[in-house]
Amino acid sequence: MTAHVAQYTLDVTDLDLMARFWSAALGYTVSQGGDGNAKLYPPPGRAGPTVWLQGCGTPKPGKNRLHLDLVADGGQAAEVDRLIGLGARRADVGQTGAEGFVVLADPEDNEFCVLDGPPR
């Protein structure tokens, strides 16, 4: 028996901001109830885990120990620019610049990577 990733959960302080950012970044649809949480679903026909945005009252304490690696449908540079336009920013976690990825942080400083192609 093995396990598979079914959902990625992210604690957030500003649910509306983070739902807008991650739904636009991933092309996911948002289902938001009145309980301070939101669930994001991949588009029909696209495999992928759901994303659960869990409202919490505390800011992120430090560097994420688990993060998303995204692969763009188009080029990496264009995707980085698009994500920055949505509210992401470049993040320095000690990379050298020779890696095959760009590190960004979402509006609440959660790091994620944009890969230059499929994971190697």
N, C-alpha and C. Protein backbone atom coordinates (compact mmCIF):
# COMPACT_ATOMS: atom_id res chain seq x y z
N MET A 1 0.84 -1.18 0.00
CA MET A 1 0.00 0.00 0.00
C MET A 1 0.89 1.24 0.00
N THR A 2 0.46 2.28 -0.71
CA THR A 2 1.16 3.57 -0.74
C THR A 2 0.16 4.70 -0.57
N ALA A 3 0.68 5.86 -0.30
CA ALA A 3 -0.17 7.05 -0.18
C ALA A 3 0.08 7.96 -1.38
N HIS A 4 -0.83 8.88 -1.62
CA HIS A 4 -0.64 9.87 -2.67
C HIS A 4 -1.09 11.23 -2.14
N VAL A 5 -0.61 12.29 -2.75
CA VAL A 5 -0.98 13.63 -2.32
C VAL A 5 -2.39 13.93 -2.82
N ALA A 6 -3.30 14.16 -1.90
CA ALA A 6 -4.68 14.46 -2.25
C ALA A 6 -4.98 15.95 -2.14
N GLN A 7 -4.30 16.61 -1.22
CA GLN A 7 -4.60 18.01 -0.95
C GLN A 7 -3.37 18.68 -0.34
N TYR A 8 -3.19 19.94 -0.66
CA TYR A 8 -2.15 20.75 -0.05
C TYR A 8 -2.86 21.76 0.84
N THR A 9 -2.51 21.83 2.12
CA THR A 9 -3.16 22.73 3.06
C THR A 9 -2.19 23.85 3.43
N LEU A 10 -2.70 25.06 3.42
CA LEU A 10 -1.90 26.23 3.72
C LEU A 10 -2.64 27.09 4.74
N ASP A 11 -1.99 27.37 5.87
CA ASP A 11 -2.56 28.29 6.86
C ASP A 11 -2.42 29.70 6.33
N VAL A 12 -3.49 30.49 6.43
CA VAL A 12 -3.49 31.87 5.91
C VAL A 12 -4.12 32.81 6.93
N THR A 13 -3.71 34.06 6.88
CA THR A 13 -4.34 35.06 7.75
C THR A 13 -5.38 35.89 7.00
N ASP A 14 -5.16 36.15 5.71
CA ASP A 14 -6.12 36.90 4.90
C ASP A 14 -6.70 35.95 3.85
N LEU A 15 -7.79 35.31 4.19
CA LEU A 15 -8.37 34.27 3.34
C LEU A 15 -8.74 34.80 1.96
N ASP A 16 -9.37 35.96 1.88
CA ASP A 16 -9.79 36.50 0.58
C ASP A 16 -8.59 36.77 -0.32
N LEU A 17 -7.56 37.42 0.22
CA LEU A 17 -6.35 37.71 -0.54
C LEU A 17 -5.70 36.43 -1.05
N MET A 18 -5.56 35.46 -0.18
CA MET A 18 -4.87 34.23 -0.56
C MET A 18 -5.70 33.38 -1.52
N ALA A 19 -7.02 33.38 -1.38
CA ALA A 19 -7.87 32.66 -2.32
C ALA A 19 -7.76 33.29 -3.70
N ARG A 20 -7.76 34.62 -3.77
CA ARG A 20 -7.60 35.29 -5.07
C ARG A 20 -6.25 34.96 -5.69
N PHE A 21 -5.17 35.06 -4.89
CA PHE A 21 -3.84 34.81 -5.43
C PHE A 21 -3.71 33.37 -5.92
N TRP A 22 -3.98 32.39 -5.07
CA TRP A 22 -3.73 31.00 -5.45
C TRP A 22 -4.69 30.50 -6.52
N SER A 23 -5.93 30.99 -6.54
CA SER A 23 -6.84 30.55 -7.61
C SER A 23 -6.36 31.10 -8.95
N ALA A 24 -5.89 32.36 -8.98
CA ALA A 24 -5.37 32.93 -10.22
C ALA A 24 -4.05 32.29 -10.61
N ALA A 25 -3.18 32.02 -9.64
CA ALA A 25 -1.88 31.42 -9.92
C ALA A 25 -2.03 30.03 -10.52
N LEU A 26 -2.94 29.23 -9.98
CA LEU A 26 -3.08 27.84 -10.40
C LEU A 26 -4.19 27.60 -11.42
N GLY A 27 -5.04 28.60 -11.64
CA GLY A 27 -6.19 28.41 -12.52
C GLY A 27 -7.26 27.56 -11.86
N TYR A 28 -7.30 27.54 -10.54
CA TYR A 28 -8.26 26.74 -9.77
C TYR A 28 -9.51 27.57 -9.48
N THR A 29 -10.62 26.88 -9.24
CA THR A 29 -11.84 27.54 -8.80
C THR A 29 -11.90 27.49 -7.27
N VAL A 30 -12.57 28.48 -6.70
CA VAL A 30 -12.63 28.62 -5.24
C VAL A 30 -14.03 28.29 -4.75
N SER A 31 -14.09 27.51 -3.68
CA SER A 31 -15.33 27.28 -2.94
C SER A 31 -15.07 27.77 -1.53
N GLN A 32 -15.72 28.88 -1.19
CA GLN A 32 -15.47 29.50 0.11
C GLN A 32 -16.77 29.56 0.90
N GLY A 33 -16.76 28.94 2.05
CA GLY A 33 -17.92 28.98 2.93
C GLY A 33 -17.75 30.09 3.95
N GLY A 34 -18.59 30.10 4.94
CA GLY A 34 -18.54 31.12 5.97
C GLY A 34 -17.74 30.70 7.19
N ASP A 35 -16.92 29.65 7.07
CA ASP A 35 -16.20 29.12 8.23
C ASP A 35 -14.75 29.58 8.32
N GLY A 36 -14.35 30.55 7.48
CA GLY A 36 -12.98 31.04 7.53
C GLY A 36 -11.98 30.20 6.76
N ASN A 37 -12.47 29.29 5.93
CA ASN A 37 -11.62 28.42 5.11
C ASN A 37 -12.09 28.46 3.67
N ALA A 38 -11.26 28.00 2.76
CA ALA A 38 -11.64 27.92 1.35
C ALA A 38 -10.98 26.69 0.74
N LYS A 39 -11.65 26.10 -0.24
CA LYS A 39 -11.08 24.97 -0.97
C LYS A 39 -10.96 25.36 -2.42
N LEU A 40 -9.80 25.06 -3.01
CA LEU A 40 -9.53 25.37 -4.40
C LEU A 40 -9.47 24.06 -5.17
N TYR A 41 -10.15 24.04 -6.32
CA TYR A 41 -10.26 22.84 -7.14
C TYR A 41 -9.59 23.05 -8.49
N PRO A 42 -8.85 22.03 -8.98
CA PRO A 42 -8.24 22.16 -10.30
C PRO A 42 -9.32 22.22 -11.39
N PRO A 43 -8.97 22.77 -12.54
CA PRO A 43 -9.94 22.83 -13.63
C PRO A 43 -10.33 21.43 -14.09
N PRO A 44 -11.53 21.29 -14.65
CA PRO A 44 -11.95 19.98 -15.16
C PRO A 44 -10.92 19.43 -16.15
N GLY A 45 -10.61 18.17 -16.00
CA GLY A 45 -9.68 17.51 -16.90
C GLY A 45 -8.22 17.64 -16.53
N ARG A 46 -7.90 18.44 -15.52
CA ARG A 46 -6.50 18.59 -15.09
C ARG A 46 -6.31 17.86 -13.77
N ALA A 47 -5.38 16.93 -13.76
CA ALA A 47 -5.07 16.22 -12.53
C ALA A 47 -4.34 17.15 -11.58
N GLY A 48 -4.52 16.94 -10.33
CA GLY A 48 -3.81 17.73 -9.34
C GLY A 48 -4.53 17.70 -8.02
N PRO A 49 -3.80 17.93 -6.95
CA PRO A 49 -4.44 17.95 -5.65
C PRO A 49 -5.27 19.21 -5.47
N THR A 50 -6.25 19.14 -4.59
CA THR A 50 -6.97 20.34 -4.19
C THR A 50 -6.07 21.13 -3.23
N VAL A 51 -6.43 22.39 -3.01
CA VAL A 51 -5.70 23.23 -2.07
C VAL A 51 -6.71 23.70 -1.02
N TRP A 52 -6.37 23.48 0.24
CA TRP A 52 -7.21 23.92 1.35
C TRP A 52 -6.53 25.12 1.99
N LEU A 53 -7.22 26.26 1.98
CA LEU A 53 -6.71 27.46 2.65
C LEU A 53 -7.41 27.53 4.00
N GLN A 54 -6.62 27.35 5.02
CA GLN A 54 -7.14 27.25 6.38
C GLN A 54 -6.86 28.54 7.12
N GLY A 55 -7.92 29.26 7.45
CA GLY A 55 -7.75 30.51 8.17
C GLY A 55 -7.14 30.29 9.54
N CYS A 56 -6.15 31.11 9.86
CA CYS A 56 -5.54 31.04 11.19
C CYS A 56 -5.21 32.47 11.62
N GLY A 57 -5.01 32.67 12.89
CA GLY A 57 -4.79 34.02 13.39
C GLY A 57 -3.33 34.37 13.62
N THR A 58 -2.42 33.54 13.12
CA THR A 58 -1.01 33.81 13.38
C THR A 58 -0.24 33.93 12.08
N PRO A 59 0.73 34.84 12.02
CA PRO A 59 1.55 34.95 10.81
C PRO A 59 2.52 33.78 10.70
N LYS A 60 3.05 33.59 9.52
CA LYS A 60 4.03 32.54 9.24
C LYS A 60 5.28 32.79 10.08
N PRO A 61 5.76 31.78 10.82
CA PRO A 61 6.89 32.01 11.73
C PRO A 61 8.27 31.99 11.09
N GLY A 62 8.46 31.34 9.95
CA GLY A 62 9.78 31.24 9.33
C GLY A 62 9.68 30.60 7.96
N LYS A 63 10.81 30.13 7.45
CA LYS A 63 10.85 29.50 6.13
C LYS A 63 9.99 28.23 6.13
N ASN A 64 9.23 28.06 5.04
CA ASN A 64 8.43 26.85 4.90
C ASN A 64 9.34 25.62 4.86
N ARG A 65 8.91 24.55 5.47
CA ARG A 65 9.65 23.30 5.39
C ARG A 65 9.08 22.42 4.29
N LEU A 66 7.94 22.79 3.76
CA LEU A 66 7.30 22.09 2.65
C LEU A 66 6.76 23.18 1.73
N HIS A 67 6.97 23.02 0.42
CA HIS A 67 6.50 24.05 -0.50
C HIS A 67 6.07 23.43 -1.82
N LEU A 68 5.37 24.22 -2.61
CA LEU A 68 4.93 23.79 -3.94
C LEU A 68 6.02 24.06 -4.96
N ASP A 69 6.16 23.17 -5.93
CA ASP A 69 6.97 23.39 -7.13
C ASP A 69 6.01 23.46 -8.29
N LEU A 70 5.96 24.59 -8.95
CA LEU A 70 5.05 24.81 -10.07
C LEU A 70 5.80 24.68 -11.39
N VAL A 71 5.12 24.17 -12.40
CA VAL A 71 5.65 24.13 -13.76
C VAL A 71 4.65 24.89 -14.62
N ALA A 72 5.16 25.85 -15.39
CA ALA A 72 4.30 26.70 -16.21
C ALA A 72 3.88 25.98 -17.49
N ASP A 73 2.70 26.33 -17.99
CA ASP A 73 2.25 25.84 -19.29
C ASP A 73 3.09 26.47 -20.40
N GLY A 74 3.59 27.68 -20.16
CA GLY A 74 4.45 28.38 -21.11
C GLY A 74 5.87 28.45 -20.56
N GLY A 75 6.57 29.51 -20.83
CA GLY A 75 7.94 29.65 -20.37
C GLY A 75 8.04 30.07 -18.91
N GLN A 76 9.15 29.71 -18.30
CA GLN A 76 9.38 30.01 -16.89
C GLN A 76 9.41 31.52 -16.63
N ALA A 77 10.15 32.27 -17.43
CA ALA A 77 10.29 33.71 -17.20
C ALA A 77 8.94 34.42 -17.28
N ALA A 78 8.14 34.06 -18.27
CA ALA A 78 6.81 34.67 -18.41
C ALA A 78 5.93 34.31 -17.22
N GLU A 79 6.05 33.09 -16.74
CA GLU A 79 5.24 32.67 -15.59
C GLU A 79 5.66 33.40 -14.33
N VAL A 80 6.96 33.57 -14.12
CA VAL A 80 7.44 34.32 -12.96
C VAL A 80 6.90 35.74 -13.02
N ASP A 81 6.96 36.38 -14.18
CA ASP A 81 6.43 37.73 -14.33
C ASP A 81 4.93 37.77 -14.03
N ARG A 82 4.19 36.78 -14.51
CA ARG A 82 2.74 36.72 -14.28
C ARG A 82 2.44 36.60 -12.78
N LEU A 83 3.16 35.72 -12.11
CA LEU A 83 2.93 35.50 -10.68
C LEU A 83 3.30 36.73 -9.86
N ILE A 84 4.36 37.41 -10.25
CA ILE A 84 4.73 38.66 -9.57
C ILE A 84 3.63 39.70 -9.79
N GLY A 85 3.05 39.73 -10.98
CA GLY A 85 1.93 40.64 -11.25
C GLY A 85 0.71 40.33 -10.41
N LEU A 86 0.57 39.07 -9.99
CA LEU A 86 -0.56 38.67 -9.13
C LEU A 86 -0.32 38.97 -7.66
N GLY A 87 0.94 39.31 -7.31
CA GLY A 87 1.23 39.63 -5.91
C GLY A 87 2.37 38.85 -5.29
N ALA A 88 2.99 37.94 -6.03
CA ALA A 88 4.16 37.22 -5.51
C ALA A 88 5.37 38.15 -5.54
N ARG A 89 6.43 37.74 -4.88
CA ARG A 89 7.70 38.47 -4.93
C ARG A 89 8.82 37.44 -4.96
N ARG A 90 9.97 37.86 -5.46
CA ARG A 90 11.15 36.98 -5.45
C ARG A 90 11.59 36.78 -4.01
N ALA A 91 12.06 35.57 -3.70
CA ALA A 91 12.51 35.24 -2.35
C ALA A 91 13.89 34.63 -2.40
N ASP A 92 14.70 34.96 -1.44
CA ASP A 92 16.05 34.41 -1.34
C ASP A 92 16.08 33.41 -0.20
N VAL A 93 16.27 32.14 -0.55
CA VAL A 93 16.40 31.08 0.46
C VAL A 93 17.77 30.44 0.37
N GLY A 94 18.73 31.16 -0.24
CA GLY A 94 20.08 30.66 -0.35
C GLY A 94 20.43 30.06 -1.69
N GLN A 95 19.58 30.26 -2.70
CA GLN A 95 19.87 29.72 -4.02
C GLN A 95 21.02 30.49 -4.66
N THR A 96 21.69 29.85 -5.62
CA THR A 96 22.86 30.45 -6.26
C THR A 96 22.54 31.14 -7.57
N GLY A 97 21.41 30.83 -8.16
CA GLY A 97 21.06 31.36 -9.47
C GLY A 97 21.32 30.37 -10.58
N ALA A 98 22.03 29.29 -10.27
CA ALA A 98 22.32 28.26 -11.27
C ALA A 98 21.28 27.13 -11.23
N GLU A 99 20.36 27.20 -10.32
CA GLU A 99 19.33 26.17 -10.20
C GLU A 99 18.36 26.26 -11.39
N GLY A 100 17.62 25.23 -11.58
CA GLY A 100 16.60 25.21 -12.62
C GLY A 100 15.25 25.68 -12.11
N PHE A 101 15.24 26.59 -11.16
CA PHE A 101 14.00 27.10 -10.59
C PHE A 101 14.18 28.51 -10.09
N VAL A 102 13.05 29.20 -9.94
CA VAL A 102 13.03 30.54 -9.35
C VAL A 102 12.18 30.44 -8.10
N VAL A 103 12.69 30.99 -7.00
CA VAL A 103 11.95 30.96 -5.74
C VAL A 103 11.15 32.26 -5.61
N LEU A 104 9.87 32.09 -5.35
CA LEU A 104 8.97 33.22 -5.12
C LEU A 104 8.29 33.03 -3.76
N ALA A 105 7.64 34.07 -3.28
CA ALA A 105 6.82 33.99 -2.08
C ALA A 105 5.47 34.59 -2.41
N ASP A 106 4.41 33.97 -1.88
CA ASP A 106 3.06 34.48 -2.10
C ASP A 106 2.84 35.73 -1.24
N PRO A 107 1.66 36.35 -1.29
CA PRO A 107 1.43 37.58 -0.52
C PRO A 107 1.59 37.45 0.99
N GLU A 108 1.57 36.23 1.52
CA GLU A 108 1.79 36.03 2.95
C GLU A 108 3.15 35.39 3.23
N ASP A 109 4.06 35.50 2.27
CA ASP A 109 5.46 35.07 2.40
C ASP A 109 5.68 33.56 2.41
N ASN A 110 4.75 32.78 1.89
CA ASN A 110 4.96 31.34 1.75
C ASN A 110 5.77 31.10 0.48
N GLU A 111 6.94 30.47 0.63
CA GLU A 111 7.81 30.24 -0.51
C GLU A 111 7.26 29.13 -1.41
N PHE A 112 7.51 29.29 -2.71
CA PHE A 112 7.23 28.25 -3.70
C PHE A 112 8.19 28.45 -4.86
N CYS A 113 8.34 27.43 -5.68
CA CYS A 113 9.29 27.49 -6.80
C CYS A 113 8.55 27.40 -8.13
N VAL A 114 9.11 28.06 -9.13
CA VAL A 114 8.67 27.91 -10.50
C VAL A 114 9.82 27.21 -11.23
N LEU A 115 9.59 25.97 -11.65
CA LEU A 115 10.61 25.17 -12.30
C LEU A 115 10.74 25.54 -13.77
N ASP A 116 11.90 25.24 -14.35
CA ASP A 116 12.11 25.52 -15.77
C ASP A 116 11.61 24.38 -16.65
N GLY A 117 11.00 23.37 -16.08
CA GLY A 117 10.45 22.23 -16.79
C GLY A 117 10.03 21.18 -15.79
N PRO A 118 9.68 20.01 -16.25
CA PRO A 118 9.29 18.95 -15.32
C PRO A 118 10.41 18.65 -14.31
N PRO A 119 10.05 18.23 -13.10
CA PRO A 119 11.08 17.90 -12.10
C PRO A 119 12.06 16.87 -12.64
N ARG A 120 13.35 17.07 -12.33
CA ARG A 120 14.38 16.14 -12.77
C ARG A 120 14.78 15.23 -11.65
